[in-house]
PDB file of N, CA and C in Angstrom:
ATOM      1  N   UNK A   1      -6.778 -54.823  52.163  1.00  0.00           N
ATOM      2  CA  UNK A   1      -6.587 -53.402  52.099  1.00  0.00           C
ATOM      3  C   UNK A   1      -5.339 -53.064  51.294  1.00  0.00           C
ATOM      4  N   UNK A   2      -4.283 -53.740  51.521  1.00  0.00           N
ATOM      5  CA  UNK A   2      -3.065 -53.479  50.768  1.00  0.00           C
ATOM      6  C   UNK A   2      -3.225 -53.885  49.311  1.00  0.00           C
ATOM      7  N   UNK A   3      -4.038 -54.924  49.051  1.00  0.00           N
ATOM      8  CA  UNK A   3      -4.268 -55.327  47.670  1.00  0.00           C
ATOM      9  C   UNK A   3      -5.026 -54.244  46.907  1.00  0.00           C
ATOM     10  N   UNK A   4      -5.972 -53.584  47.577  1.00  0.00           N
ATOM     11  CA  UNK A   4      -6.735 -52.517  46.959  1.00  0.00           C
ATOM     12  C   UNK A   4      -5.826 -51.323  46.636  1.00  0.00           C
ATOM     13  N   UNK A   5      -4.905 -51.003  47.509  1.00  0.00           N
ATOM     14  CA  UNK A   5      -3.978 -49.895  47.281  1.00  0.00           C
ATOM     15  C   UNK A   5      -3.065 -50.200  46.105  1.00  0.00           C
ATOM     16  N   UNK A   6      -2.652 -51.434  45.954  1.00  0.00           N
ATOM     17  CA  UNK A   6      -1.795 -51.815  44.839  1.00  0.00           C
ATOM     18  C   UNK A   6      -2.564 -51.734  43.524  1.00  0.00           C
ATOM     19  N   UNK A   7      -3.836 -52.124  43.529  1.00  0.00           N
ATOM     20  CA  UNK A   7      -4.638 -52.081  42.311  1.00  0.00           C
ATOM     21  C   UNK A   7      -4.943 -50.659  41.870  1.00  0.00           C
ATOM     22  N   UNK A   8      -5.066 -49.738  42.823  1.00  0.00           N
ATOM     23  CA  UNK A   8      -5.403 -48.359  42.492  1.00  0.00           C
ATOM     24  C   UNK A   8      -4.206 -47.548  42.012  1.00  0.00           C
ATOM     25  N   UNK A   9      -3.010 -48.034  42.243  1.00  0.00           N
ATOM     26  CA  UNK A   9      -1.828 -47.308  41.800  1.00  0.00           C
ATOM     27  C   UNK A   9      -1.689 -47.392  40.282  1.00  0.00           C
ATOM     28  N   UNK A  10      -1.268 -46.305  39.709  1.00  0.00           N
ATOM     29  CA  UNK A  10      -1.032 -46.295  38.268  1.00  0.00           C
ATOM     30  C   UNK A  10       0.319 -46.929  37.992  1.00  0.00           C
ATOM     31  N   UNK A  11       0.436 -47.562  36.848  1.00  0.00           N
ATOM     32  CA  UNK A  11       1.731 -48.130  36.523  1.00  0.00           C
ATOM     33  C   UNK A  11       2.748 -47.016  36.284  1.00  0.00           C
ATOM     34  N   UNK A  12       3.980 -47.282  36.605  1.00  0.00           N
ATOM     35  CA  UNK A  12       5.033 -46.285  36.414  1.00  0.00           C
ATOM     36  C   UNK A  12       5.224 -46.051  34.915  1.00  0.00           C
ATOM     37  N   UNK A  13       5.233 -44.806  34.494  1.00  0.00           N
ATOM     38  CA  UNK A  13       5.390 -44.528  33.064  1.00  0.00           C
ATOM     39  C   UNK A  13       6.797 -44.890  32.590  1.00  0.00           C
ATOM     40  N   UNK A  14       6.863 -45.332  31.355  1.00  0.00           N
ATOM     41  CA  UNK A  14       8.164 -45.654  30.791  1.00  0.00           C
ATOM     42  C   UNK A  14       8.871 -44.360  30.413  1.00  0.00           C
ATOM     43  N   UNK A  15      10.122 -44.437  30.030  1.00  0.00           N
ATOM     44  CA  UNK A  15      10.921 -43.258  29.712  1.00  0.00           C
ATOM     45  C   UNK A  15      10.349 -42.442  28.574  1.00  0.00           C
ATOM     46  N   UNK A  16       9.877 -43.091  27.528  1.00  0.00           N
ATOM     47  CA  UNK A  16       9.335 -42.382  26.375  1.00  0.00           C
ATOM     48  C   UNK A  16       8.010 -41.710  26.703  1.00  0.00           C
ATOM     49  N   UNK A  17       7.187 -42.352  27.502  1.00  0.00           N
ATOM     50  CA  UNK A  17       5.889 -41.771  27.859  1.00  0.00           C
ATOM     51  C   UNK A  17       6.054 -40.520  28.710  1.00  0.00           C
ATOM     52  N   UNK A  18       7.114 -40.448  29.479  1.00  0.00           N
ATOM     53  CA  UNK A  18       7.335 -39.267  30.314  1.00  0.00           C
ATOM     54  C   UNK A  18       7.582 -38.028  29.453  1.00  0.00           C
ATOM     55  N   UNK A  19       8.263 -38.204  28.351  1.00  0.00           N
ATOM     56  CA  UNK A  19       8.652 -37.069  27.528  1.00  0.00           C
ATOM     57  C   UNK A  19       7.785 -36.886  26.278  1.00  0.00           C
ATOM     58  N   UNK A  20       6.767 -37.690  26.131  1.00  0.00           N
ATOM     59  CA  UNK A  20       5.952 -37.600  24.911  1.00  0.00           C
ATOM     60  C   UNK A  20       5.238 -36.255  24.799  1.00  0.00           C
ATOM     61  N   UNK A  21       4.784 -35.707  25.890  1.00  0.00           N
ATOM     62  CA  UNK A  21       4.131 -34.398  25.862  1.00  0.00           C
ATOM     63  C   UNK A  21       5.092 -33.303  25.439  1.00  0.00           C
ATOM     64  N   UNK A  22       6.295 -33.346  25.976  1.00  0.00           N
ATOM     65  CA  UNK A  22       7.309 -32.358  25.624  1.00  0.00           C
ATOM     66  C   UNK A  22       7.718 -32.518  24.163  1.00  0.00           C
ATOM     67  N   UNK A  23       7.886 -33.750  23.717  1.00  0.00           N
ATOM     68  CA  UNK A  23       8.256 -34.005  22.324  1.00  0.00           C
ATOM     69  C   UNK A  23       7.162 -33.522  21.367  1.00  0.00           C
ATOM     70  N   UNK A  24       5.922 -33.756  21.706  1.00  0.00           N
ATOM     71  CA  UNK A  24       4.809 -33.319  20.863  1.00  0.00           C
ATOM     72  C   UNK A  24       4.763 -31.796  20.775  1.00  0.00           C
ATOM     73  N   UNK A  25       4.961 -31.130  21.899  1.00  0.00           N
ATOM     74  CA  UNK A  25       4.980 -29.662  21.910  1.00  0.00           C
ATOM     75  C   UNK A  25       6.134 -29.130  21.061  1.00  0.00           C
ATOM     76  N   UNK A  26       7.312 -29.739  21.174  1.00  0.00           N
ATOM     77  CA  UNK A  26       8.472 -29.320  20.386  1.00  0.00           C
ATOM     78  C   UNK A  26       8.225 -29.542  18.900  1.00  0.00           C
ATOM     79  N   UNK A  27       7.599 -30.654  18.542  1.00  0.00           N
ATOM     80  CA  UNK A  27       7.299 -30.945  17.147  1.00  0.00           C
ATOM     81  C   UNK A  27       6.315 -29.927  16.578  1.00  0.00           C
ATOM     82  N   UNK A  28       5.305 -29.576  17.329  1.00  0.00           N
ATOM     83  CA  UNK A  28       4.329 -28.573  16.884  1.00  0.00           C
ATOM     84  C   UNK A  28       5.020 -27.231  16.674  1.00  0.00           C
ATOM     85  N   UNK A  29       5.910 -26.861  17.580  1.00  0.00           N
ATOM     86  CA  UNK A  29       6.639 -25.599  17.450  1.00  0.00           C
ATOM     87  C   UNK A  29       7.516 -25.590  16.201  1.00  0.00           C
ATOM     88  N   UNK A  30       8.224 -26.688  15.937  1.00  0.00           N
ATOM     89  CA  UNK A  30       9.092 -26.771  14.757  1.00  0.00           C
ATOM     90  C   UNK A  30       8.271 -26.657  13.477  1.00  0.00           C
ATOM     91  N   UNK A  31       7.157 -27.357  13.402  1.00  0.00           N
ATOM     92  CA  UNK A  31       6.303 -27.287  12.215  1.00  0.00           C
ATOM     93  C   UNK A  31       5.749 -25.870  12.049  1.00  0.00           C
ATOM     94  N   UNK A  32       5.311 -25.266  13.123  1.00  0.00           N
ATOM     95  CA  UNK A  32       4.796 -23.893  13.097  1.00  0.00           C
ATOM     96  C   UNK A  32       5.868 -22.935  12.595  1.00  0.00           C
ATOM     97  N   UNK A  33       7.103 -23.095  13.082  1.00  0.00           N
ATOM     98  CA  UNK A  33       8.203 -22.228  12.686  1.00  0.00           C
ATOM     99  C   UNK A  33       8.536 -22.417  11.207  1.00  0.00           C
ATOM    100  N   UNK A  34       8.598 -23.666  10.741  1.00  0.00           N
ATOM    101  CA  UNK A  34       8.964 -23.948   9.358  1.00  0.00           C
ATOM    102  C   UNK A  34       7.943 -23.429   8.355  1.00  0.00           C
ATOM    103  N   UNK A  35       6.669 -23.539   8.674  1.00  0.00           N
ATOM    104  CA  UNK A  35       5.635 -23.199   7.707  1.00  0.00           C
ATOM    105  C   UNK A  35       5.034 -21.807   7.868  1.00  0.00           C
ATOM    106  N   UNK A  36       5.262 -21.156   8.997  1.00  0.00           N
ATOM    107  CA  UNK A  36       4.640 -19.842   9.193  1.00  0.00           C
ATOM    108  C   UNK A  36       5.650 -18.744   9.506  1.00  0.00           C
ATOM    109  N   UNK A  37       6.496 -18.929  10.471  1.00  0.00           N
ATOM    110  CA  UNK A  37       7.388 -17.858  10.925  1.00  0.00           C
ATOM    111  C   UNK A  37       8.522 -17.632   9.942  1.00  0.00           C
ATOM    112  N   UNK A  38       9.192 -18.681   9.525  1.00  0.00           N
ATOM    113  CA  UNK A  38      10.360 -18.561   8.643  1.00  0.00           C
ATOM    114  C   UNK A  38      10.010 -17.929   7.296  1.00  0.00           C
ATOM    115  N   UNK A  39       8.957 -18.360   6.605  1.00  0.00           N
ATOM    116  CA  UNK A  39       8.623 -17.698   5.332  1.00  0.00           C
ATOM    117  C   UNK A  39       8.282 -16.218   5.505  1.00  0.00           C
ATOM    118  N   UNK A  40       7.619 -15.877   6.599  1.00  0.00           N
ATOM    119  CA  UNK A  40       7.281 -14.476   6.845  1.00  0.00           C
ATOM    120  C   UNK A  40       8.542 -13.651   7.073  1.00  0.00           C
ATOM    121  N   UNK A  41       9.527 -14.209   7.789  1.00  0.00           N
ATOM    122  CA  UNK A  41      10.779 -13.496   8.012  1.00  0.00           C
ATOM    123  C   UNK A  41      11.516 -13.260   6.696  1.00  0.00           C
ATOM    124  N   UNK A  42      11.515 -14.265   5.818  1.00  0.00           N
ATOM    125  CA  UNK A  42      12.160 -14.119   4.513  1.00  0.00           C
ATOM    126  C   UNK A  42      11.483 -13.029   3.684  1.00  0.00           C
ATOM    127  N   UNK A  43      10.159 -13.011   3.718  1.00  0.00           N
ATOM    128  CA  UNK A  43       9.402 -12.011   2.965  1.00  0.00           C
ATOM    129  C   UNK A  43       9.700 -10.606   3.488  1.00  0.00           C
ATOM    130  N   UNK A  44       9.763 -10.438   4.802  1.00  0.00           N
ATOM    131  CA  UNK A  44      10.058  -9.131   5.386  1.00  0.00           C
ATOM    132  C   UNK A  44      11.460  -8.661   5.014  1.00  0.00           C
ATOM    133  N   UNK A  45      12.436  -9.578   4.996  1.00  0.00           N
ATOM    134  CA  UNK A  45      13.801  -9.207   4.600  1.00  0.00           C
ATOM    135  C   UNK A  45      13.844  -8.766   3.142  1.00  0.00           C
ATOM    136  N   UNK A  46      13.100  -9.448   2.278  1.00  0.00           N
ATOM    137  CA  UNK A  46      13.049  -9.097   0.864  1.00  0.00           C
ATOM    138  C   UNK A  46      12.433  -7.708   0.670  1.00  0.00           C
ATOM    139  N   UNK A  47      11.349  -7.426   1.378  1.00  0.00           N
ATOM    140  CA  UNK A  47      10.707  -6.109   1.293  1.00  0.00           C
ATOM    141  C   UNK A  47      11.647  -5.023   1.797  1.00  0.00           C
ATOM    142  N   UNK A  48      12.378  -5.304   2.876  1.00  0.00           N
ATOM    143  CA  UNK A  48      13.320  -4.333   3.431  1.00  0.00           C
ATOM    144  C   UNK A  48      14.446  -4.041   2.435  1.00  0.00           C
ATOM    145  N   UNK A  49      14.942  -5.067   1.742  1.00  0.00           N
ATOM    146  CA  UNK A  49      15.983  -4.862   0.727  1.00  0.00           C
ATOM    147  C   UNK A  49      15.455  -3.995  -0.409  1.00  0.00           C
ATOM    148  N   UNK A  50      14.204  -4.224  -0.824  1.00  0.00           N
ATOM    149  CA  UNK A  50      13.609  -3.408  -1.882  1.00  0.00           C
ATOM    150  C   UNK A  50      13.509  -1.949  -1.445  1.00  0.00           C
ATOM    151  N   UNK A  51      13.120  -1.713  -0.203  1.00  0.00           N
ATOM    152  CA  UNK A  51      12.992  -0.340   0.299  1.00  0.00           C
ATOM    153  C   UNK A  51      14.342   0.358   0.340  1.00  0.00           C
ATOM    154  N   UNK A  52      15.379  -0.382   0.743  1.00  0.00           N
ATOM    155  CA  UNK A  52      16.708   0.213   0.808  1.00  0.00           C
ATOM    156  C   UNK A  52      17.236   0.552  -0.584  1.00  0.00           C
ATOM    157  N   UNK A  53      16.805  -0.192  -1.606  1.00  0.00           N
ATOM    158  CA  UNK A  53      17.270   0.028  -2.973  1.00  0.00           C
ATOM    159  C   UNK A  53      16.469   1.103  -3.701  1.00  0.00           C
ATOM    160  N   UNK A  54      15.369   1.582  -3.113  1.00  0.00           N
ATOM    161  CA  UNK A  54      14.546   2.593  -3.782  1.00  0.00           C
ATOM    162  C   UNK A  54      15.300   3.916  -3.865  1.00  0.00           C
ATOM    163  N   UNK A  55      15.119   4.590  -5.001  1.00  0.00           N
ATOM    164  CA  UNK A  55      15.788   5.870  -5.223  1.00  0.00           C
ATOM    165  C   UNK A  55      14.824   6.827  -5.923  1.00  0.00           C
ATOM    166  N   UNK A  56      15.256   8.050  -6.075  1.00  0.00           N
ATOM    167  CA  UNK A  56      14.425   9.055  -6.725  1.00  0.00           C
ATOM    168  C   UNK A  56      14.085   8.602  -8.142  1.00  0.00           C
ATOM    169  N   UNK A  57      12.816   8.745  -8.507  1.00  0.00           N
ATOM    170  CA  UNK A  57      12.348   8.358  -9.829  1.00  0.00           C
ATOM    171  C   UNK A  57      11.637   7.020  -9.863  1.00  0.00           C
ATOM    172  N   UNK A  58      11.749   6.210  -8.821  1.00  0.00           N
ATOM    173  CA  UNK A  58      11.074   4.910  -8.778  1.00  0.00           C
ATOM    174  C   UNK A  58       9.575   5.083  -8.545  1.00  0.00           C
ATOM    175  N   UNK A  59       8.790   4.257  -9.216  1.00  0.00           N
ATOM    176  CA  UNK A  59       7.336   4.249  -8.996  1.00  0.00           C
ATOM    177  C   UNK A  59       7.035   3.408  -7.773  1.00  0.00           C
ATOM    178  N   UNK A  60       6.174   3.930  -6.907  1.00  0.00           N
ATOM    179  CA  UNK A  60       5.841   3.247  -5.661  1.00  0.00           C
ATOM    180  C   UNK A  60       4.346   3.305  -5.399  1.00  0.00           C
ATOM    181  N   UNK A  61       3.930   2.496  -4.436  1.00  0.00           N
ATOM    182  CA  UNK A  61       2.559   2.538  -3.937  1.00  0.00           C
ATOM    183  C   UNK A  61       2.647   2.519  -2.411  1.00  0.00           C
ATOM    184  N   UNK A  62       1.826   3.334  -1.765  1.00  0.00           N
ATOM    185  CA  UNK A  62       1.828   3.355  -0.309  1.00  0.00           C
ATOM    186  C   UNK A  62       0.890   2.274   0.218  1.00  0.00           C
ATOM    187  N   UNK A  63       0.976   2.011   1.505  1.00  0.00           N
ATOM    188  CA  UNK A  63       0.089   1.013   2.106  1.00  0.00           C
ATOM    189  C   UNK A  63      -1.367   1.483   2.070  1.00  0.00           C
ATOM    190  N   UNK A  64      -1.586   2.769   1.865  1.00  0.00           N
ATOM    191  CA  UNK A  64      -2.934   3.312   1.739  1.00  0.00           C
ATOM    192  C   UNK A  64      -3.466   3.269   0.320  1.00  0.00           C
ATOM    193  N   UNK A  65      -2.634   2.819  -0.635  1.00  0.00           N
ATOM    194  CA  UNK A  65      -3.086   2.680  -2.010  1.00  0.00           C
ATOM    195  C   UNK A  65      -2.803   3.873  -2.899  1.00  0.00           C
ATOM    196  N   UNK A  66      -1.921   4.775  -2.478  1.00  0.00           N
ATOM    197  CA  UNK A  66      -1.593   5.955  -3.269  1.00  0.00           C
ATOM    198  C   UNK A  66      -0.379   5.644  -4.148  1.00  0.00           C
ATOM    199  N   UNK A  67      -0.551   5.852  -5.468  1.00  0.00           N
ATOM    200  CA  UNK A  67       0.543   5.646  -6.413  1.00  0.00           C
ATOM    201  C   UNK A  67       1.295   6.952  -6.608  1.00  0.00           C
ATOM    202  N   UNK A  68       2.608   6.853  -6.816  1.00  0.00           N
ATOM    203  CA  UNK A  68       3.397   8.044  -7.081  1.00  0.00           C
ATOM    204  C   UNK A  68       4.820   7.691  -7.444  1.00  0.00           C
ATOM    205  N   UNK A  69       5.641   8.738  -7.562  1.00  0.00           N
ATOM    206  CA  UNK A  69       7.061   8.569  -7.865  1.00  0.00           C
ATOM    207  C   UNK A  69       7.862   9.218  -6.752  1.00  0.00           C
ATOM    208  N   UNK A  70       8.938   8.566  -6.372  1.00  0.00           N
ATOM    209  CA  UNK A  70       9.811   9.106  -5.329  1.00  0.00           C
ATOM    210  C   UNK A  70      10.557  10.307  -5.891  1.00  0.00           C
ATOM    211  N   UNK A  71      10.491  11.412  -5.169  1.00  0.00           N
ATOM    212  CA  UNK A  71      11.219  12.622  -5.559  1.00  0.00           C
ATOM    213  C   UNK A  71      12.445  12.840  -4.690  1.00  0.00           C
ATOM    214  N   UNK A  72      12.375  12.417  -3.425  1.00  0.00           N
ATOM    215  CA  UNK A  72      13.499  12.606  -2.519  1.00  0.00           C
ATOM    216  C   UNK A  72      13.478  11.494  -1.473  1.00  0.00           C
ATOM    217  N   UNK A  73      14.667  11.090  -1.039  1.00  0.00           N
ATOM    218  CA  UNK A  73      14.800  10.040  -0.031  1.00  0.00           C
ATOM    219  C   UNK A  73      15.374  10.674   1.228  1.00  0.00           C
ATOM    220  N   UNK A  74      14.631  10.586   2.312  1.00  0.00           N
ATOM    221  CA  UNK A  74      15.098  11.077   3.612  1.00  0.00           C
ATOM    222  C   UNK A  74      15.531   9.879   4.458  1.00  0.00           C
ATOM    223  N   UNK A  75      15.949  10.134   5.681  1.00  0.00           N
ATOM    224  CA  UNK A  75      16.427   9.054   6.546  1.00  0.00           C
ATOM    225  C   UNK A  75      15.324   8.048   6.862  1.00  0.00           C
ATOM    226  N   UNK A  76      14.147   8.527   7.249  1.00  0.00           N
ATOM    227  CA  UNK A  76      13.043   7.643   7.630  1.00  0.00           C
ATOM    228  C   UNK A  76      11.800   7.808   6.762  1.00  0.00           C
ATOM    229  N   UNK A  77      11.914   8.585   5.691  1.00  0.00           N
ATOM    230  CA  UNK A  77      10.725   8.870   4.885  1.00  0.00           C
ATOM    231  C   UNK A  77      11.103   9.090   3.423  1.00  0.00           C
ATOM    232  N   UNK A  78      10.081   9.008   2.581  1.00  0.00           N
ATOM    233  CA  UNK A  78      10.208   9.346   1.175  1.00  0.00           C
ATOM    234  C   UNK A  78       9.320  10.552   0.898  1.00  0.00           C
ATOM    235  N   UNK A  79       9.774  11.412   0.005  1.00  0.00           N
ATOM    236  CA  UNK A  79       8.929  12.471  -0.525  1.00  0.00           C
ATOM    237  C   UNK A  79       8.420  11.927  -1.855  1.00  0.00           C
ATOM    238  N   UNK A  80       7.102  11.765  -1.958  1.00  0.00           N
ATOM    239  CA  UNK A  80       6.500  11.145  -3.133  1.00  0.00           C
ATOM    240  C   UNK A  80       5.631  12.173  -3.854  1.00  0.00           C
ATOM    241  N   UNK A  81       5.811  12.259  -5.168  1.00  0.00           N
ATOM    242  CA  UNK A  81       4.978  13.136  -5.978  1.00  0.00           C
ATOM    243  C   UNK A  81       3.821  12.303  -6.515  1.00  0.00           C
ATOM    244  N   UNK A  82       2.598  12.692  -6.136  1.00  0.00           N
ATOM    245  CA  UNK A  82       1.424  11.923  -6.539  1.00  0.00           C
ATOM    246  C   UNK A  82       0.676  12.581  -7.695  1.00  0.00           C
ATOM    247  N   UNK A  83       0.996  13.829  -7.971  1.00  0.00           N
ATOM    248  CA  UNK A  83       0.424  14.573  -9.096  1.00  0.00           C
ATOM    249  C   UNK A  83       1.385  15.727  -9.372  1.00  0.00           C
ATOM    250  N   UNK A  84       1.137  16.504 -10.415  1.00  0.00           N
ATOM    251  CA  UNK A  84       2.012  17.634 -10.714  1.00  0.00           C
ATOM    252  C   UNK A  84       2.055  18.588  -9.530  1.00  0.00           C
ATOM    253  N   UNK A  85       3.240  18.807  -8.999  1.00  0.00           N
ATOM    254  CA  UNK A  85       3.498  19.706  -7.868  1.00  0.00           C
ATOM    255  C   UNK A  85       2.712  19.351  -6.610  1.00  0.00           C
ATOM    256  N   UNK A  86       2.310  18.086  -6.461  1.00  0.00           N
ATOM    257  CA  UNK A  86       1.666  17.613  -5.232  1.00  0.00           C
ATOM    258  C   UNK A  86       2.566  16.544  -4.644  1.00  0.00           C
ATOM    259  N   UNK A  87       3.192  16.884  -3.517  1.00  0.00           N
ATOM    260  CA  UNK A  87       4.150  15.974  -2.892  1.00  0.00           C
ATOM    261  C   UNK A  87       3.717  15.681  -1.462  1.00  0.00           C
ATOM    262  N   UNK A  88       3.930  14.428  -1.082  1.00  0.00           N
ATOM    263  CA  UNK A  88       3.611  14.019   0.284  1.00  0.00           C
ATOM    264  C   UNK A  88       4.828  13.338   0.899  1.00  0.00           C
ATOM    265  N   UNK A  89       4.923  13.452   2.199  1.00  0.00           N
ATOM    266  CA  UNK A  89       5.997  12.792   2.937  1.00  0.00           C
ATOM    267  C   UNK A  89       5.402  11.528   3.555  1.00  0.00           C
ATOM    268  N   UNK A  90       6.027  10.375   3.255  1.00  0.00           N
ATOM    269  CA  UNK A  90       5.494   9.084   3.686  1.00  0.00           C
ATOM    270  C   UNK A  90       6.598   8.296   4.379  1.00  0.00           C
ATOM    271  N   UNK A  91       6.255   7.648   5.477  1.00  0.00           N
ATOM    272  CA  UNK A  91       7.202   6.804   6.201  1.00  0.00           C
ATOM    273  C   UNK A  91       7.691   5.673   5.298  1.00  0.00           C
ATOM    274  N   UNK A  92       8.968   5.340   5.392  1.00  0.00           N
ATOM    275  CA  UNK A  92       9.545   4.290   4.534  1.00  0.00           C
ATOM    276  C   UNK A  92       8.875   2.933   4.722  1.00  0.00           C
ATOM    277  N   UNK A  93       8.405   2.652   5.914  1.00  0.00           N
ATOM    278  CA  UNK A  93       7.804   1.342   6.186  1.00  0.00           C
ATOM    279  C   UNK A  93       6.435   1.165   5.560  1.00  0.00           C
ATOM    280  N   UNK A  94       5.862   2.230   4.998  1.00  0.00           N
ATOM    281  CA  UNK A  94       4.539   2.100   4.388  1.00  0.00           C
ATOM    282  C   UNK A  94       4.581   2.262   2.869  1.00  0.00           C
ATOM    283  N   UNK A  95       5.766   2.057   2.281  1.00  0.00           N
ATOM    284  CA  UNK A  95       5.927   2.220   0.838  1.00  0.00           C
ATOM    285  C   UNK A  95       6.422   0.904   0.241  1.00  0.00           C
ATOM    286  N   UNK A  96       5.823   0.536  -0.895  1.00  0.00           N
ATOM    287  CA  UNK A  96       6.205  -0.681  -1.612  1.00  0.00           C
ATOM    288  C   UNK A  96       6.494  -0.320  -3.057  1.00  0.00           C
ATOM    289  N   UNK A  97       7.371  -1.090  -3.685  1.00  0.00           N
ATOM    290  CA  UNK A  97       7.677  -0.863  -5.093  1.00  0.00           C
ATOM    291  C   UNK A  97       6.454  -1.198  -5.929  1.00  0.00           C
ATOM    292  N   UNK A  98       6.135  -0.340  -6.868  1.00  0.00           N
ATOM    293  CA  UNK A  98       4.969  -0.534  -7.726  1.00  0.00           C
ATOM    294  C   UNK A  98       5.223  -1.660  -8.719  1.00  0.00           C
ATOM    295  N   UNK A  99       4.178  -2.421  -9.053  1.00  0.00           N
ATOM    296  CA  UNK A  99       4.307  -3.522 -10.010  1.00  0.00           C
ATOM    297  C   UNK A  99       4.762  -3.033 -11.366  1.00  0.00           C
ATOM    298  N   UNK A 100       4.337  -1.863 -11.786  1.00  0.00           N
ATOM    299  CA  UNK A 100       4.740  -1.353 -13.096  1.00  0.00           C
ATOM    300  C   UNK A 100       6.242  -1.115 -13.141  1.00  0.00           C
ATOM    301  N   UNK A 101       6.830  -0.694 -12.019  1.00  0.00           N
ATOM    302  CA  UNK A 101       8.268  -0.475 -11.956  1.00  0.00           C
ATOM    303  C   UNK A 101       9.014  -1.810 -11.985  1.00  0.00           C
ATOM    304  N   UNK A 102       8.472  -2.830 -11.346  1.00  0.00           N
ATOM    305  CA  UNK A 102       9.095  -4.148 -11.331  1.00  0.00           C
ATOM    306  C   UNK A 102       9.081  -4.747 -12.727  1.00  0.00           C
ATOM    307  N   UNK A 103       7.963  -4.603 -13.441  1.00  0.00           N
ATOM    308  CA  UNK A 103       7.861  -5.141 -14.794  1.00  0.00           C
ATOM    309  C   UNK A 103       8.842  -4.458 -15.740  1.00  0.00           C
ATOM    310  N   UNK A 104       9.057  -3.142 -15.569  1.00  0.00           N
ATOM    311  CA  UNK A 104       9.974  -2.411 -16.431  1.00  0.00           C
ATOM    312  C   UNK A 104      11.426  -2.838 -16.203  1.00  0.00           C
ATOM    313  N   UNK A 105      11.799  -3.155 -14.965  1.00  0.00           N
ATOM    314  CA  UNK A 105      13.163  -3.570 -14.680  1.00  0.00           C
ATOM    315  C   UNK A 105      13.420  -5.006 -15.105  1.00  0.00           C
ATOM    316  N   UNK A 106      12.379  -5.822 -15.223  1.00  0.00           N
ATOM    317  CA  UNK A 106      12.552  -7.220 -15.607  1.00  0.00           C
ATOM    318  C   UNK A 106      12.819  -7.381 -17.107  1.00  0.00           C
ATOM    319  N   UNK A 107      12.419  -6.399 -17.900  1.00  0.00           N
ATOM    320  CA  UNK A 107      12.567  -6.503 -19.362  1.00  0.00           C
ATOM    321  C   UNK A 107      13.955  -6.173 -19.814  1.00  0.00           C
TER     322      UNK A 107
END
């Protein structure tokens, strides 16, 4: 009876085997952070810097696909002229610098 109890017992795990699950989880998190979270954070910071640098006269595009020129900069919004005497108020977080404006500044 005692021999059967000894045979049914699992061997004691070694030190490395005890922490292998935790190490694997930590490794997955680090890889996930390096390849997904960190690049996205960098991209968001770059977009935020572009928004802060926008001024009246810059060509922009909204997240809805509307092209226009900034006429006025408010605290949380831009006034954008999309046609002659047609102006809309758009939240700053939904405005991106237009590619045509970027190409003109690069030359």
